[in-house]
Amino acid sequence: KGPDFLDIERFPEITFRGSQVRLLGANEAVVLGDLTL
């Protein structure tokens, strides 16, 4: 949780936003998006 890794004091949240979906099969897909860490 400290500054060597997640640095939660400065960055308390991790976010993901995805809106591009590539279907691979009936129940499989790849979602492309942006991860903020």
PDB file of all heavy atoms in Angstrom:
ATOM      1  N   LYS A   1       0.812  -1.211   0.000  1.00  0.00           N
ATOM      2  CA  LYS A   1       0.000   0.000   0.000  1.00  0.00           C
ATOM      3  C   LYS A   1       0.851   1.269   0.000  1.00  0.00           C
ATOM      4  O   LYS A   1       0.351   2.349  -0.301  1.00  0.00           O
ATOM      5  CB  LYS A   1      -0.932   0.015   1.211  1.00  0.00           C
ATOM      6  CG  LYS A   1      -2.004  -1.054   1.151  1.00  0.00           C
ATOM      7  CD  LYS A   1      -2.824  -1.047   2.433  1.00  0.00           C
ATOM      8  CE  LYS A   1      -3.824  -2.187   2.465  1.00  0.00           C
ATOM      9  NZ  LYS A   1      -4.573  -2.205   3.733  1.00  0.00           N
ATOM     10  N   GLY A   2       2.133   1.135   0.316  1.00  0.00           N
ATOM     11  CA  GLY A   2       3.026   2.283   0.439  1.00  0.00           C
ATOM     12  C   GLY A   2       3.549   2.776  -0.900  1.00  0.00           C
ATOM     13  O   GLY A   2       3.199   2.270  -1.977  1.00  0.00           O
ATOM     14  N   PRO A   3       4.435   3.787  -0.857  1.00  0.00           N
ATOM     15  CA  PRO A   3       4.931   4.430  -2.079  1.00  0.00           C
ATOM     16  C   PRO A   3       5.735   3.518  -3.001  1.00  0.00           C
ATOM     17  O   PRO A   3       5.844   3.807  -4.198  1.00  0.00           O
ATOM     18  CB  PRO A   3       5.786   5.588  -1.571  1.00  0.00           C
ATOM     19  CG  PRO A   3       5.899   5.434  -0.108  1.00  0.00           C
ATOM     20  CD  PRO A   3       4.901   4.423   0.351  1.00  0.00           C
ATOM     21  N   ASP A   4       6.282   2.405  -2.510  1.00  0.00           N
ATOM     22  CA  ASP A   4       7.018   1.488  -3.380  1.00  0.00           C
ATOM     23  C   ASP A   4       6.106   0.773  -4.379  1.00  0.00           C
ATOM     24  O   ASP A   4       6.552   0.347  -5.445  1.00  0.00           O
ATOM     25  CB  ASP A   4       7.750   0.421  -2.564  1.00  0.00           C
ATOM     26  CG  ASP A   4       8.960   0.954  -1.827  1.00  0.00           C
ATOM     27  OD1 ASP A   4       9.483   2.022  -2.233  1.00  0.00           O
ATOM     28  OD2 ASP A   4       9.384   0.316  -0.850  1.00  0.00           O
ATOM     29  N   PHE A   5       4.820   0.624  -4.022  1.00  0.00           N
ATOM     30  CA  PHE A   5       3.899  -0.123  -4.866  1.00  0.00           C
ATOM     31  C   PHE A   5       2.670   0.711  -5.231  1.00  0.00           C
ATOM     32  O   PHE A   5       2.719   1.509  -6.151  1.00  0.00           O
ATOM     33  CB  PHE A   5       3.520  -1.458  -4.212  1.00  0.00           C
ATOM     34  CG  PHE A   5       4.651  -2.450  -4.205  1.00  0.00           C
ATOM     35  CD1 PHE A   5       5.499  -2.549  -3.116  1.00  0.00           C
ATOM     36  CD2 PHE A   5       4.882  -3.264  -5.302  1.00  0.00           C
ATOM     37  CE1 PHE A   5       6.555  -3.441  -3.113  1.00  0.00           C
ATOM     38  CE2 PHE A   5       5.939  -4.166  -5.314  1.00  0.00           C
ATOM     39  CZ  PHE A   5       6.776  -4.255  -4.210  1.00  0.00           C
ATOM     40  N   LEU A   6       1.548   0.551  -4.527  1.00  0.00           N
ATOM     41  CA  LEU A   6       0.302   1.220  -4.916  1.00  0.00           C
ATOM     42  C   LEU A   6       0.237   2.694  -4.531  1.00  0.00           C
ATOM     43  O   LEU A   6      -0.503   3.452  -5.139  1.00  0.00           O
ATOM     44  CB  LEU A   6      -0.901   0.480  -4.320  1.00  0.00           C
ATOM     45  CG  LEU A   6      -1.124  -0.931  -4.860  1.00  0.00           C
ATOM     46  CD1 LEU A   6      -2.285  -1.594  -4.136  1.00  0.00           C
ATOM     47  CD2 LEU A   6      -1.356  -0.918  -6.358  1.00  0.00           C
ATOM     48  N   ASP A   7       0.973   3.097  -3.493  1.00  0.00           N
ATOM     49  CA  ASP A   7       0.995   4.491  -3.044  1.00  0.00           C
ATOM     50  C   ASP A   7      -0.428   5.002  -2.804  1.00  0.00           C
ATOM     51  O   ASP A   7      -0.871   5.999  -3.389  1.00  0.00           O
ATOM     52  CB  ASP A   7       1.728   5.363  -4.065  1.00  0.00           C
ATOM     53  CG  ASP A   7       2.171   6.699  -3.488  1.00  0.00           C
ATOM     54  OD1 ASP A   7       1.911   6.965  -2.291  1.00  0.00           O
ATOM     55  OD2 ASP A   7       2.773   7.488  -4.244  1.00  0.00           O
ATOM     56  N   ILE A   8      -1.148   4.306  -1.912  1.00  0.00           N
ATOM     57  CA  ILE A   8      -2.570   4.602  -1.706  1.00  0.00           C
ATOM     58  C   ILE A   8      -2.841   5.984  -1.124  1.00  0.00           C
ATOM     59  O   ILE A   8      -3.944   6.499  -1.274  1.00  0.00           O
ATOM     60  CB  ILE A   8      -3.242   3.523  -0.827  1.00  0.00           C
ATOM     61  CG1 ILE A   8      -2.644   3.524   0.579  1.00  0.00           C
ATOM     62  CG2 ILE A   8      -3.174   2.167  -1.497  1.00  0.00           C
ATOM     63  CD1 ILE A   8      -3.442   2.718   1.580  1.00  0.00           C
ATOM     64  N   GLU A   9      -1.853   6.604  -0.475  1.00  0.00           N
ATOM     65  CA  GLU A   9      -2.072   7.964   0.035  1.00  0.00           C
ATOM     66  C   GLU A   9      -2.295   8.933  -1.114  1.00  0.00           C
ATOM     67  O   GLU A   9      -3.127   9.823  -1.028  1.00  0.00           O
ATOM     68  CB  GLU A   9      -0.896   8.411   0.898  1.00  0.00           C
ATOM     69  CG  GLU A   9      -0.763   7.644   2.200  1.00  0.00           C
ATOM     70  CD  GLU A   9      -1.997   7.783   3.093  1.00  0.00           C
ATOM     71  OE1 GLU A   9      -2.539   8.900   3.197  1.00  0.00           O
ATOM     72  OE2 GLU A   9      -2.423   6.762   3.664  1.00  0.00           O
ATOM     73  N   ARG A  10      -1.554   8.765  -2.189  1.00  0.00           N
ATOM     74  CA  ARG A  10      -1.701   9.648  -3.356  1.00  0.00           C
ATOM     75  C   ARG A  10      -2.690   9.109  -4.376  1.00  0.00           C
ATOM     76  O   ARG A  10      -3.311   9.884  -5.104  1.00  0.00           O
ATOM     77  CB  ARG A  10      -0.347   9.867  -4.031  1.00  0.00           C
ATOM     78  CG  ARG A  10       0.619  10.649  -3.172  1.00  0.00           C
ATOM     79  CD  ARG A  10       1.924  10.964  -3.854  1.00  0.00           C
ATOM     80  NE  ARG A  10       2.048  10.342  -5.169  1.00  0.00           N
ATOM     81  CZ  ARG A  10       3.024  10.579  -6.021  1.00  0.00           C
ATOM     82  NH1 ARG A  10       3.971  11.415  -5.710  1.00  0.00           N
ATOM     83  NH2 ARG A  10       3.083   9.968  -7.174  1.00  0.00           N
ATOM     84  N   PHE A  11      -2.835   7.775  -4.444  1.00  0.00           N
ATOM     85  CA  PHE A  11      -3.678   7.151  -5.465  1.00  0.00           C
ATOM     86  C   PHE A  11      -4.576   6.096  -4.824  1.00  0.00           C
ATOM     87  O   PHE A  11      -4.325   4.895  -4.946  1.00  0.00           O
ATOM     88  CB  PHE A  11      -2.806   6.511  -6.554  1.00  0.00           C
ATOM     89  CG  PHE A  11      -1.787   7.451  -7.138  1.00  0.00           C
ATOM     90  CD1 PHE A  11      -0.449   7.331  -6.796  1.00  0.00           C
ATOM     91  CD2 PHE A  11      -2.178   8.454  -7.998  1.00  0.00           C
ATOM     92  CE1 PHE A  11       0.496   8.194  -7.325  1.00  0.00           C
ATOM     93  CE2 PHE A  11      -1.244   9.329  -8.535  1.00  0.00           C
ATOM     94  CZ  PHE A  11       0.098   9.208  -8.193  1.00  0.00           C
ATOM     95  N   PRO A  12      -5.633   6.513  -4.121  1.00  0.00           N
ATOM     96  CA  PRO A  12      -6.470   5.550  -3.385  1.00  0.00           C
ATOM     97  C   PRO A  12      -7.359   4.679  -4.264  1.00  0.00           C
ATOM     98  O   PRO A  12      -7.914   3.694  -3.778  1.00  0.00           O
ATOM     99  CB  PRO A  12      -7.321   6.443  -2.478  1.00  0.00           C
ATOM    100  CG  PRO A  12      -7.371   7.763  -3.185  1.00  0.00           C
ATOM    101  CD  PRO A  12      -6.060   7.894  -3.911  1.00  0.00           C
ATOM    102  N   GLU A  13      -7.483   5.028  -5.559  1.00  0.00           N
ATOM    103  CA  GLU A  13      -8.361   4.249  -6.431  1.00  0.00           C
ATOM    104  C   GLU A  13      -7.624   3.738  -7.664  1.00  0.00           C
ATOM    105  O   GLU A  13      -6.733   4.389  -8.186  1.00  0.00           O
ATOM    106  CB  GLU A  13      -9.546   5.099  -6.902  1.00  0.00           C
ATOM    107  CG  GLU A  13     -10.493   5.493  -5.797  1.00  0.00           C
ATOM    108  CD  GLU A  13     -11.663   6.308  -6.294  1.00  0.00           C
ATOM    109  OE1 GLU A  13     -11.602   6.879  -7.405  1.00  0.00           O
ATOM    110  OE2 GLU A  13     -12.660   6.376  -5.560  1.00  0.00           O
ATOM    111  N   ILE A  14      -8.054   2.565  -8.099  1.00  0.00           N
ATOM    112  CA  ILE A  14      -7.640   1.975  -9.373  1.00  0.00           C
ATOM    113  C   ILE A  14      -8.904   1.934 -10.219  1.00  0.00           C
ATOM    114  O   ILE A  14      -9.964   1.525  -9.727  1.00  0.00           O
ATOM    115  CB  ILE A  14      -7.082   0.553  -9.159  1.00  0.00           C
ATOM    116  CG1 ILE A  14      -5.875   0.587  -8.220  1.00  0.00           C
ATOM    117  CG2 ILE A  14      -6.736  -0.090 -10.494  1.00  0.00           C
ATOM    118  CD1 ILE A  14      -5.460  -0.791  -7.710  1.00  0.00           C
ATOM    119  N   THR A  15      -8.826   2.369 -11.476  1.00  0.00           N
ATOM    120  CA  THR A  15     -10.034   2.387 -12.304  1.00  0.00           C
ATOM    121  C   THR A  15      -9.808   1.649 -13.619  1.00  0.00           C
ATOM    122  O   THR A  15      -8.686   1.540 -14.108  1.00  0.00           O
ATOM    123  CB  THR A  15     -10.489   3.829 -12.625  1.00  0.00           C
ATOM    124  OG1 THR A  15      -9.471   4.488 -13.365  1.00  0.00           O
ATOM    125  CG2 THR A  15     -10.793   4.600 -11.350  1.00  0.00           C
ATOM    126  N   PHE A  16     -10.916   1.146 -14.161  1.00  0.00           N
ATOM    127  CA  PHE A  16     -10.910   0.539 -15.492  1.00  0.00           C
ATOM    128  C   PHE A  16     -12.143   1.027 -16.230  1.00  0.00           C
ATOM    129  O   PHE A  16     -13.242   1.030 -15.678  1.00  0.00           O
ATOM    130  CB  PHE A  16     -10.924  -0.988 -15.429  1.00  0.00           C
ATOM    131  CG  PHE A  16     -11.020  -1.626 -16.791  1.00  0.00           C
ATOM    132  CD1 PHE A  16      -9.916  -1.672 -17.627  1.00  0.00           C
ATOM    133  CD2 PHE A  16     -12.221  -2.133 -17.260  1.00  0.00           C
ATOM    134  CE1 PHE A  16      -9.999  -2.226 -18.907  1.00  0.00           C
ATOM    135  CE2 PHE A  16     -12.315  -2.693 -18.527  1.00  0.00           C
ATOM    136  CZ  PHE A  16     -11.191  -2.737 -19.349  1.00  0.00           C
ATOM    137  N   ARG A  17     -11.946   1.453 -17.471  1.00  0.00           N
ATOM    138  CA  ARG A  17     -13.048   1.852 -18.338  1.00  0.00           C
ATOM    139  C   ARG A  17     -12.857   1.167 -19.686  1.00  0.00           C
ATOM    140  O   ARG A  17     -11.825   1.342 -20.326  1.00  0.00           O
ATOM    141  CB  ARG A  17     -13.067   3.363 -18.520  1.00  0.00           C
ATOM    142  CG  ARG A  17     -13.528   4.089 -17.276  1.00  0.00           C
ATOM    143  CD  ARG A  17     -13.510   5.601 -17.428  1.00  0.00           C
ATOM    144  NE  ARG A  17     -14.026   6.247 -16.236  1.00  0.00           N
ATOM    145  CZ  ARG A  17     -13.341   6.413 -15.111  1.00  0.00           C
ATOM    146  NH1 ARG A  17     -12.111   5.973 -15.034  1.00  0.00           N
ATOM    147  NH2 ARG A  17     -13.882   6.993 -14.061  1.00  0.00           N
ATOM    148  N   GLY A  18     -13.859   0.378 -20.087  1.00  0.00           N
ATOM    149  CA  GLY A  18     -13.762  -0.344 -21.342  1.00  0.00           C
ATOM    150  C   GLY A  18     -15.037  -0.242 -22.151  1.00  0.00           C
ATOM    151  O   GLY A  18     -16.133  -0.328 -21.590  1.00  0.00           O
ATOM    152  N   SER A  19     -14.889  -0.061 -23.464  1.00  0.00           N
ATOM    153  CA  SER A  19     -16.080   0.016 -24.310  1.00  0.00           C
ATOM    154  C   SER A  19     -15.875  -0.650 -25.669  1.00  0.00           C
ATOM    155  O   SER A  19     -16.783  -0.666 -26.487  1.00  0.00           O
ATOM    156  CB  SER A  19     -16.500   1.475 -24.516  1.00  0.00           C
ATOM    157  OG  SER A  19     -15.467   2.201 -25.137  1.00  0.00           O
ATOM    158  N   GLN A  20     -14.703  -1.193 -25.908  1.00  0.00           N
ATOM    159  CA  GLN A  20     -14.470  -1.903 -27.158  1.00  0.00           C
ATOM    160  C   GLN A  20     -14.495  -3.401 -26.863  1.00  0.00           C
ATOM    161  O   GLN A  20     -13.712  -3.881 -26.047  1.00  0.00           O
ATOM    162  CB  GLN A  20     -13.127  -1.511 -27.760  1.00  0.00           C
ATOM    163  CG  GLN A  20     -13.066  -0.067 -28.212  1.00  0.00           C
ATOM    164  CD  GLN A  20     -11.699   0.246 -28.770  1.00  0.00           C
ATOM    165  OE1 GLN A  20     -10.715   0.242 -28.049  1.00  0.00           O
ATOM    166  NE2 GLN A  20     -11.642   0.511 -30.068  1.00  0.00           N
ATOM    167  N   VAL A  21     -15.410  -4.106 -27.508  1.00  0.00           N
ATOM    168  CA  VAL A  21     -15.586  -5.532 -27.255  1.00  0.00           C
ATOM    169  C   VAL A  21     -15.359  -6.298 -28.553  1.00  0.00           C
ATOM    170  O   VAL A  21     -15.946  -5.978 -29.582  1.00  0.00           O
ATOM    171  CB  VAL A  21     -16.996  -5.828 -26.705  1.00  0.00           C
ATOM    172  CG1 VAL A  21     -17.178  -7.320 -26.477  1.00  0.00           C
ATOM    173  CG2 VAL A  21     -17.245  -5.046 -25.422  1.00  0.00           C
ATOM    174  N   ARG A  22     -14.482  -7.294 -28.466  1.00  0.00           N
ATOM    175  CA  ARG A  22     -14.225  -8.182 -29.602  1.00  0.00           C
ATOM    176  C   ARG A  22     -14.706  -9.577 -29.213  1.00  0.00           C
ATOM    177  O   ARG A  22     -14.167 -10.184 -28.287  1.00  0.00           O
ATOM    178  CB  ARG A  22     -12.733  -8.174 -29.931  1.00  0.00           C
ATOM    179  CG  ARG A  22     -12.397  -8.910 -31.207  1.00  0.00           C
ATOM    180  CD  ARG A  22     -10.941  -8.720 -31.618  1.00  0.00           C
ATOM    181  NE  ARG A  22     -10.032  -9.406 -30.710  1.00  0.00           N
ATOM    182  CZ  ARG A  22      -9.107  -8.805 -29.956  1.00  0.00           C
ATOM    183  NH1 ARG A  22      -8.976  -7.503 -29.968  1.00  0.00           N
ATOM    184  NH2 ARG A  22      -8.319  -9.515 -29.180  1.00  0.00           N
ATOM    185  N   LEU A  23     -15.735 -10.074 -29.896  1.00  0.00           N
ATOM    186  CA  LEU A  23     -16.293 -11.382 -29.569  1.00  0.00           C
ATOM    187  C   LEU A  23     -15.381 -12.486 -30.083  1.00  0.00           C
ATOM    188  O   LEU A  23     -14.906 -12.432 -31.212  1.00  0.00           O
ATOM    189  CB  LEU A  23     -17.684 -11.538 -30.174  1.00  0.00           C
ATOM    190  CG  LEU A  23     -18.738 -10.563 -29.657  1.00  0.00           C
ATOM    191  CD1 LEU A  23     -20.051 -10.804 -30.368  1.00  0.00           C
ATOM    192  CD2 LEU A  23     -18.904 -10.682 -28.157  1.00  0.00           C
ATOM    193  N   LEU A  24     -15.159 -13.495 -29.240  1.00  0.00           N
ATOM    194  CA  LEU A  24     -14.346 -14.644 -29.620  1.00  0.00           C
ATOM    195  C   LEU A  24     -15.180 -15.912 -29.742  1.00  0.00           C
ATOM    196  O   LEU A  24     -14.712 -16.905 -30.272  1.00  0.00           O
ATOM    197  CB  LEU A  24     -13.233 -14.870 -28.589  1.00  0.00           C
ATOM    198  CG  LEU A  24     -12.279 -13.705 -28.341  1.00  0.00           C
ATOM    199  CD1 LEU A  24     -11.280 -14.067 -27.260  1.00  0.00           C
ATOM    200  CD2 LEU A  24     -11.568 -13.315 -29.624  1.00  0.00           C
ATOM    201  N   GLY A  25     -16.380 -15.875 -29.203  1.00  0.00           N
ATOM    202  CA  GLY A  25     -17.262 -17.037 -29.213  1.00  0.00           C
ATOM    203  C   GLY A  25     -18.542 -16.686 -28.496  1.00  0.00           C
ATOM    204  O   GLY A  25     -18.756 -15.538 -28.089  1.00  0.00           O
ATOM    205  N   ALA A  26     -19.400 -17.695 -28.292  1.00  0.00           N
ATOM    206  CA  ALA A  26     -20.704 -17.448 -27.683  1.00  0.00           C
ATOM    207  C   ALA A  26     -20.582 -16.842 -26.282  1.00  0.00           C
ATOM    208  O   ALA A  26     -21.379 -15.995 -25.900  1.00  0.00           O
ATOM    209  CB  ALA A  26     -21.497 -18.749 -27.627  1.00  0.00           C
ATOM    210  N   ASN A  27     -19.588 -17.273 -25.512  1.00  0.00           N
ATOM    211  CA  ASN A  27     -19.433 -16.804 -24.135  1.00  0.00           C
ATOM    212  C   ASN A  27     -18.056 -16.222 -23.862  1.00  0.00           C
ATOM    213  O   ASN A  27     -17.669 -16.081 -22.699  1.00  0.00           O
ATOM    214  CB  ASN A  27     -19.707 -17.944 -23.149  1.00  0.00           C
ATOM    215  CG  ASN A  27     -21.136 -18.418 -23.219  1.00  0.00           C
ATOM    216  OD1 ASN A  27     -22.052 -17.625 -23.361  1.00  0.00           O
ATOM    217  ND2 ASN A  27     -21.322 -19.725 -23.155  1.00  0.00           N
ATOM    218  N   GLU A  28     -17.318 -15.907 -24.912  1.00  0.00           N
ATOM    219  CA  GLU A  28     -15.946 -15.400 -24.751  1.00  0.00           C
ATOM    220  C   GLU A  28     -15.786 -14.094 -25.510  1.00  0.00           C
ATOM    221  O   GLU A  28     -16.283 -13.950 -26.629  1.00  0.00           O
ATOM    222  CB  GLU A  28     -14.924 -16.407 -25.292  1.00  0.00           C
ATOM    223  CG  GLU A  28     -15.029 -17.795 -24.714  1.00  0.00           C
ATOM    224  CD  GLU A  28     -14.615 -17.871 -23.255  1.00  0.00           C
ATOM    225  OE1 GLU A  28     -13.759 -17.078 -22.826  1.00  0.00           O
ATOM    226  OE2 GLU A  28     -15.173 -18.720 -22.544  1.00  0.00           O
ATOM    227  N   ALA A  29     -15.057 -13.160 -24.887  1.00  0.00           N
ATOM    228  CA  ALA A  29     -14.801 -11.874 -25.536  1.00  0.00           C
ATOM    229  C   ALA A  29     -13.536 -11.260 -24.972  1.00  0.00           C
ATOM    230  O   ALA A  29     -13.030 -11.676 -23.917  1.00  0.00           O
ATOM    231  CB  ALA A  29     -15.981 -10.929 -25.317  1.00  0.00           C
ATOM    232  N   VAL A  30     -13.035 -10.274 -25.684  1.00  0.00           N
ATOM    233  CA  VAL A  30     -11.949  -9.438 -25.204  1.00  0.00           C
ATOM    234  C   VAL A  30     -12.513  -8.032 -25.080  1.00  0.00           C
ATOM    235  O   VAL A  30     -13.117  -7.517 -26.026  1.00  0.00           O
ATOM    236  CB  VAL A  30     -10.744  -9.453 -26.163  1.00  0.00           C
ATOM    237  CG1 VAL A  30      -9.697  -8.440 -25.724  1.00  0.00           C
ATOM    238  CG2 VAL A  30     -10.140 -10.847 -26.237  1.00  0.00           C
ATOM    239  N   VAL A  31     -12.341  -7.434 -23.914  1.00  0.00           N
ATOM    240  CA  VAL A  31     -12.767  -6.057 -23.687  1.00  0.00           C
ATOM    241  C   VAL A  31     -11.510  -5.203 -23.624  1.00  0.00           C
ATOM    242  O   VAL A  31     -10.634  -5.437 -22.789  1.00  0.00           O
ATOM    243  CB  VAL A  31     -13.581  -5.913 -22.382  1.00  0.00           C
ATOM    244  CG1 VAL A  31     -13.942  -4.453 -22.139  1.00  0.00           C
ATOM    245  CG2 VAL A  31     -14.828  -6.782 -22.434  1.00  0.00           C
ATOM    246  N   LEU A  32     -11.429  -4.240 -24.515  1.00  0.00           N
ATOM    247  CA  LEU A  32     -10.302  -3.315 -24.523  1.00  0.00           C
ATOM    248  C   LEU A  32     -10.701  -2.063 -23.749  1.00  0.00           C
ATOM    249  O   LEU A  32     -11.804  -1.545 -23.929  1.00  0.00           O
ATOM    250  CB  LEU A  32      -9.924  -2.952 -25.963  1.00  0.00           C
ATOM    251  CG  LEU A  32      -9.434  -4.131 -26.769  1.00  0.00           C
ATOM    252  CD1 LEU A  32     -10.490  -4.540 -27.764  1.00  0.00           C
ATOM    253  CD2 LEU A  32      -8.154  -3.774 -27.458  1.00  0.00           C
ATOM    254  N   GLY A  33      -9.792  -1.611 -22.901  1.00  0.00           N
ATOM    255  CA  GLY A  33     -10.096  -0.434 -22.113  1.00  0.00           C
ATOM    256  C   GLY A  33      -8.857   0.151 -21.496  1.00  0.00           C
ATOM    257  O   GLY A  33      -7.732  -0.282 -21.770  1.00  0.00           O
ATOM    258  N   ASP A  34      -9.068   1.140 -20.662  1.00  0.00           N
ATOM    259  CA  ASP A  34      -7.977   1.864 -20.010  1.00  0.00           C
ATOM    260  C   ASP A  34      -7.950   1.547 -18.522  1.00  0.00           C
ATOM    261  O   ASP A  34      -8.952   1.730 -17.830  1.00  0.00           O
ATOM    262  CB  ASP A  34      -8.131   3.367 -20.211  1.00  0.00           C
ATOM    263  CG  ASP A  34      -7.912   3.780 -21.651  1.00  0.00           C
ATOM    264  OD1 ASP A  34      -7.049   3.164 -22.308  1.00  0.00           O
ATOM    265  OD2 ASP A  34      -8.592   4.707 -22.120  1.00  0.00           O
ATOM    266  N   LEU A  35      -6.798   1.091 -18.051  1.00  0.00           N
ATOM    267  CA  LEU A  35      -6.567   0.849 -16.637  1.00  0.00           C
ATOM    268  C   LEU A  35      -5.740   2.012 -16.091  1.00  0.00           C
ATOM    269  O   LEU A  35      -4.714   2.369 -16.681  1.00  0.00           O
ATOM    270  CB  LEU A  35      -5.802  -0.463 -16.433  1.00  0.00           C
ATOM    271  CG  LEU A  35      -5.427  -0.802 -14.988  1.00  0.00           C
ATOM    272  CD1 LEU A  35      -6.676  -1.095 -14.162  1.00  0.00           C
ATOM    273  CD2 LEU A  35      -4.462  -1.970 -14.949  1.00  0.00           C
ATOM    274  N   THR A  36      -6.203   2.598 -14.990  1.00  0.00           N
ATOM    275  CA  THR A  36      -5.455   3.668 -14.335  1.00  0.00           C
ATOM    276  C   THR A  36      -5.003   3.162 -12.975  1.00  0.00           C
ATOM    277  O   THR A  36      -5.821   2.783 -12.137  1.00  0.00           O
ATOM    278  CB  THR A  36      -6.304   4.944 -14.185  1.00  0.00           C
ATOM    279  OG1 THR A  36      -6.721   5.369 -15.477  1.00  0.00           O
ATOM    280  CG2 THR A  36      -5.495   6.052 -13.522  1.00  0.00           C
ATOM    281  N   LEU A  37      -3.683   3.136 -12.790  1.00  0.00           N
ATOM    282  CA  LEU A  37      -3.052   2.637 -11.574  1.00  0.00           C
ATOM    283  C   LEU A  37      -1.918   3.591 -11.223  1.00  0.00           C
ATOM    284  O   LEU A  37      -1.088   3.892 -12.085  1.00  0.00           O
ATOM    285  CB  LEU A  37      -2.518   1.223 -11.846  1.00  0.00           C
ATOM    286  CG  LEU A  37      -1.711   0.519 -10.777  1.00  0.00           C
ATOM    287  CD1 LEU A  37      -2.581   0.200  -9.580  1.00  0.00           C
ATOM    288  CD2 LEU A  37      -1.110  -0.761 -11.330  1.00  0.00           C
TER     289      LEU A  37
END
